[in-house]
């Protein structure tokens, strides 16, 4: 095991444990799909389980008025590594209700591929 390579030293599990413990909703996305959501994101999206969220298109949770902006934000973060300032987002829960959240977006690597971490406030 290489202590300088967190993925080889169990770091990926540590990273997800940290995301789960954060006191805010967290989602991890690739360009199109939700790869991970923590329990607070599940509650916010009114999902019965995390499987209702993970593996679904990220746009499933975006209000139709915000689809273009969400796509542009994902591209900006993935392609340029931008960290976006807090951004108001109009979102959809699984029951069809609309809610507003302030989100922060940042890029990181998981298993060597770029992903977006979205933190709700």
C-alpha atoms as a PDB file:
ATOM      1  CA  UNK A   1       0.000   0.000   0.000  1.00  0.00           C
ATOM      2  CA  UNK A   2       1.283   3.435  -0.948  1.00  0.00           C
ATOM      3  CA  UNK A   3       0.686   6.125   1.698  1.00  0.00           C
ATOM      4  CA  UNK A   4       1.297   8.810  -0.933  1.00  0.00           C
ATOM      5  CA  UNK A   5      -1.543   7.443  -3.085  1.00  0.00           C
ATOM      6  CA  UNK A   6      -4.800   7.724  -1.137  1.00  0.00           C
ATOM      7  CA  UNK A   7      -6.667   5.455  -3.539  1.00  0.00           C
ATOM      8  CA  UNK A   8      -4.212   2.631  -2.860  1.00  0.00           C
ATOM      9  CA  UNK A   9      -4.273   3.228   0.889  1.00  0.00           C
ATOM     10  CA  UNK A  10      -8.048   3.089   1.261  1.00  0.00           C
ATOM     11  CA  UNK A  11      -8.358   6.835   0.695  1.00  0.00           C
ATOM     12  CA  UNK A  12     -11.383   6.544  -1.589  1.00  0.00           C
ATOM     13  CA  UNK A  13     -13.359   4.953   1.255  1.00  0.00           C
ATOM     14  CA  UNK A  14     -12.114   7.697   3.557  1.00  0.00           C
ATOM     15  CA  UNK A  15     -13.218  10.387   1.113  1.00  0.00           C
ATOM     16  CA  UNK A  16     -16.726   8.974   0.912  1.00  0.00           C
ATOM     17  CA  UNK A  17     -16.885   8.590   4.697  1.00  0.00           C
ATOM     18  CA  UNK A  18     -16.027  12.283   4.988  1.00  0.00           C
ATOM     19  CA  UNK A  19     -18.711  13.225   2.438  1.00  0.00           C
ATOM     20  CA  UNK A  20     -21.271  11.164   4.345  1.00  0.00           C
ATOM     21  CA  UNK A  21     -20.397  12.921   7.602  1.00  0.00           C
ATOM     22  CA  UNK A  22     -20.706  16.473   6.259  1.00  0.00           C
ATOM     23  CA  UNK A  23     -23.634  18.391   7.771  1.00  0.00           C
ATOM     24  CA  UNK A  24     -24.991  19.359   4.327  1.00  0.00           C
ATOM     25  CA  UNK A  25     -26.422  17.622   1.264  1.00  0.00           C
ATOM     26  CA  UNK A  26     -23.663  16.303  -1.007  1.00  0.00           C
ATOM     27  CA  UNK A  27     -23.814  14.809  -4.493  1.00  0.00           C
ATOM     28  CA  UNK A  28     -20.960  13.578  -6.688  1.00  0.00           C
ATOM     29  CA  UNK A  29     -21.561  13.727 -10.442  1.00  0.00           C
ATOM     30  CA  UNK A  30     -19.753  12.911 -13.602  1.00  0.00           C
ATOM     31  CA  UNK A  31     -20.764  14.944 -16.659  1.00  0.00           C
ATOM     32  CA  UNK A  32     -24.282  13.502 -16.672  1.00  0.00           C
ATOM     33  CA  UNK A  33     -24.981  11.007 -13.864  1.00  0.00           C
ATOM     34  CA  UNK A  34     -25.210  11.129 -10.070  1.00  0.00           C
ATOM     35  CA  UNK A  35     -22.509   8.775  -8.783  1.00  0.00           C
ATOM     36  CA  UNK A  36     -23.013   9.351  -5.053  1.00  0.00           C
ATOM     37  CA  UNK A  37     -25.361  11.163  -2.710  1.00  0.00           C
ATOM     38  CA  UNK A  38     -25.237  11.379   1.058  1.00  0.00           C
ATOM     39  CA  UNK A  39     -28.160  10.877   3.421  1.00  0.00           C
ATOM     40  CA  UNK A  40     -28.921  14.604   3.668  1.00  0.00           C
ATOM     41  CA  UNK A  41     -29.208  14.794  -0.128  1.00  0.00           C
ATOM     42  CA  UNK A  42     -31.618  11.832   0.011  1.00  0.00           C
ATOM     43  CA  UNK A  43     -33.795  13.681   2.520  1.00  0.00           C
ATOM     44  CA  UNK A  44     -33.649  16.948   0.567  1.00  0.00           C
ATOM     45  CA  UNK A  45     -34.656  15.191  -2.656  1.00  0.00           C
ATOM     46  CA  UNK A  46     -37.430  13.275  -0.855  1.00  0.00           C
ATOM     47  CA  UNK A  47     -36.063   9.925  -2.006  1.00  0.00           C
ATOM     48  CA  UNK A  48     -36.934   6.735  -0.144  1.00  0.00           C
ATOM     49  CA  UNK A  49     -33.417   5.363  -0.651  1.00  0.00           C
ATOM     50  CA  UNK A  50     -30.120   6.396  -2.219  1.00  0.00           C
ATOM     51  CA  UNK A  51     -30.776   4.073  -5.179  1.00  0.00           C
ATOM     52  CA  UNK A  52     -33.528   6.532  -6.175  1.00  0.00           C
ATOM     53  CA  UNK A  53     -30.755   9.100  -6.762  1.00  0.00           C
ATOM     54  CA  UNK A  54     -27.508   7.327  -7.637  1.00  0.00           C
ATOM     55  CA  UNK A  55     -27.181   6.275 -11.258  1.00  0.00           C
ATOM     56  CA  UNK A  56     -29.823   8.766 -12.371  1.00  0.00           C
ATOM     57  CA  UNK A  57     -29.157  11.666 -14.743  1.00  0.00           C
ATOM     58  CA  UNK A  58     -28.149  14.802 -12.850  1.00  0.00           C
ATOM     59  CA  UNK A  59     -30.790  16.689 -14.823  1.00  0.00           C
ATOM     60  CA  UNK A  60     -33.480  14.547 -13.140  1.00  0.00           C
ATOM     61  CA  UNK A  61     -33.129  16.821 -10.119  1.00  0.00           C
ATOM     62  CA  UNK A  62     -32.912  20.150 -11.959  1.00  0.00           C
ATOM     63  CA  UNK A  63     -35.933  22.356 -12.476  1.00  0.00           C
ATOM     64  CA  UNK A  64     -36.676  22.702 -16.227  1.00  0.00           C
ATOM     65  CA  UNK A  65     -35.944  26.454 -15.975  1.00  0.00           C
ATOM     66  CA  UNK A  66     -32.363  25.665 -14.914  1.00  0.00           C
ATOM     67  CA  UNK A  67     -31.333  22.800 -17.219  1.00  0.00           C
ATOM     68  CA  UNK A  68     -29.116  24.905 -19.485  1.00  0.00           C
ATOM     69  CA  UNK A  69     -27.372  26.638 -16.569  1.00  0.00           C
ATOM     70  CA  UNK A  70     -26.741  23.321 -14.818  1.00  0.00           C
ATOM     71  CA  UNK A  71     -25.226  21.824 -17.948  1.00  0.00           C
ATOM     72  CA  UNK A  72     -22.961  24.852 -18.384  1.00  0.00           C
ATOM     73  CA  UNK A  73     -21.855  24.682 -14.734  1.00  0.00           C
ATOM     74  CA  UNK A  74     -20.981  20.978 -15.054  1.00  0.00           C
ATOM     75  CA  UNK A  75     -18.967  21.622 -18.220  1.00  0.00           C
ATOM     76  CA  UNK A  76     -17.140  24.577 -16.654  1.00  0.00           C
ATOM     77  CA  UNK A  77     -16.209  22.600 -13.561  1.00  0.00           C
ATOM     78  CA  UNK A  78     -15.179  19.412 -15.391  1.00  0.00           C
ATOM     79  CA  UNK A  79     -13.269  20.965 -18.278  1.00  0.00           C
ATOM     80  CA  UNK A  80     -11.612  23.856 -16.487  1.00  0.00           C
ATOM     81  CA  UNK A  81     -11.425  22.655 -12.899  1.00  0.00           C
ATOM     82  CA  UNK A  82     -13.295  25.756 -11.795  1.00  0.00           C
ATOM     83  CA  UNK A  83     -14.523  26.030  -8.238  1.00  0.00           C
ATOM     84  CA  UNK A  84     -17.786  27.914  -8.447  1.00  0.00           C
ATOM     85  CA  UNK A  85     -18.864  30.379  -5.789  1.00  0.00           C
ATOM     86  CA  UNK A  86     -22.130  29.674  -3.976  1.00  0.00           C
ATOM     87  CA  UNK A  87     -24.811  29.521  -6.662  1.00  0.00           C
ATOM     88  CA  UNK A  88     -28.574  29.590  -6.093  1.00  0.00           C
ATOM     89  CA  UNK A  89     -30.133  26.533  -7.731  1.00  0.00           C
ATOM     90  CA  UNK A  90     -33.800  25.762  -8.373  1.00  0.00           C
ATOM     91  CA  UNK A  91     -34.187  22.001  -7.988  1.00  0.00           C
ATOM     92  CA  UNK A  92     -36.823  19.271  -8.149  1.00  0.00           C
ATOM     93  CA  UNK A  93     -37.482  16.706  -5.469  1.00  0.00           C
ATOM     94  CA  UNK A  94     -38.629  13.240  -6.496  1.00  0.00           C
ATOM     95  CA  UNK A  95     -42.208  14.090  -5.530  1.00  0.00           C
ATOM     96  CA  UNK A  96     -42.154  16.881  -8.152  1.00  0.00           C
ATOM     97  CA  UNK A  97     -41.923  19.731  -5.646  1.00  0.00           C
ATOM     98  CA  UNK A  98     -39.568  22.623  -6.301  1.00  0.00           C
ATOM     99  CA  UNK A  99     -37.013  23.764  -3.758  1.00  0.00           C
ATOM    100  CA  UNK A 100     -34.131  26.197  -3.719  1.00  0.00           C
ATOM    101  CA  UNK A 101     -30.617  25.454  -2.529  1.00  0.00           C
ATOM    102  CA  UNK A 102     -27.364  27.345  -2.602  1.00  0.00           C
ATOM    103  CA  UNK A 103     -24.737  25.023  -4.039  1.00  0.00           C
ATOM    104  CA  UNK A 104     -20.954  25.042  -4.311  1.00  0.00           C
ATOM    105  CA  UNK A 105     -19.347  23.092  -7.149  1.00  0.00           C
ATOM    106  CA  UNK A 106     -15.792  21.745  -7.332  1.00  0.00           C
ATOM    107  CA  UNK A 107     -13.873  19.164  -9.353  1.00  0.00           C
ATOM    108  CA  UNK A 108     -11.850  16.315  -7.920  1.00  0.00           C
ATOM    109  CA  UNK A 109     -10.637  12.909  -9.070  1.00  0.00           C
ATOM    110  CA  UNK A 110     -12.156   9.573  -8.072  1.00  0.00           C
ATOM    111  CA  UNK A 111     -10.461   6.460  -9.375  1.00  0.00           C
ATOM    112  CA  UNK A 112      -8.461   8.684 -11.716  1.00  0.00           C
ATOM    113  CA  UNK A 113     -11.442  10.315 -13.414  1.00  0.00           C
ATOM    114  CA  UNK A 114     -12.748  13.849 -12.928  1.00  0.00           C
ATOM    115  CA  UNK A 115     -15.999  14.235 -11.001  1.00  0.00           C
ATOM    116  CA  UNK A 116     -17.972  17.152  -9.596  1.00  0.00           C
ATOM    117  CA  UNK A 117     -18.683  17.484  -5.899  1.00  0.00           C
ATOM    118  CA  UNK A 118     -21.807  19.559  -5.253  1.00  0.00           C
ATOM    119  CA  UNK A 119     -22.256  20.812  -1.702  1.00  0.00           C
ATOM    120  CA  UNK A 120     -25.641  22.199  -0.695  1.00  0.00           C
ATOM    121  CA  UNK A 121     -25.969  24.966   1.861  1.00  0.00           C
END
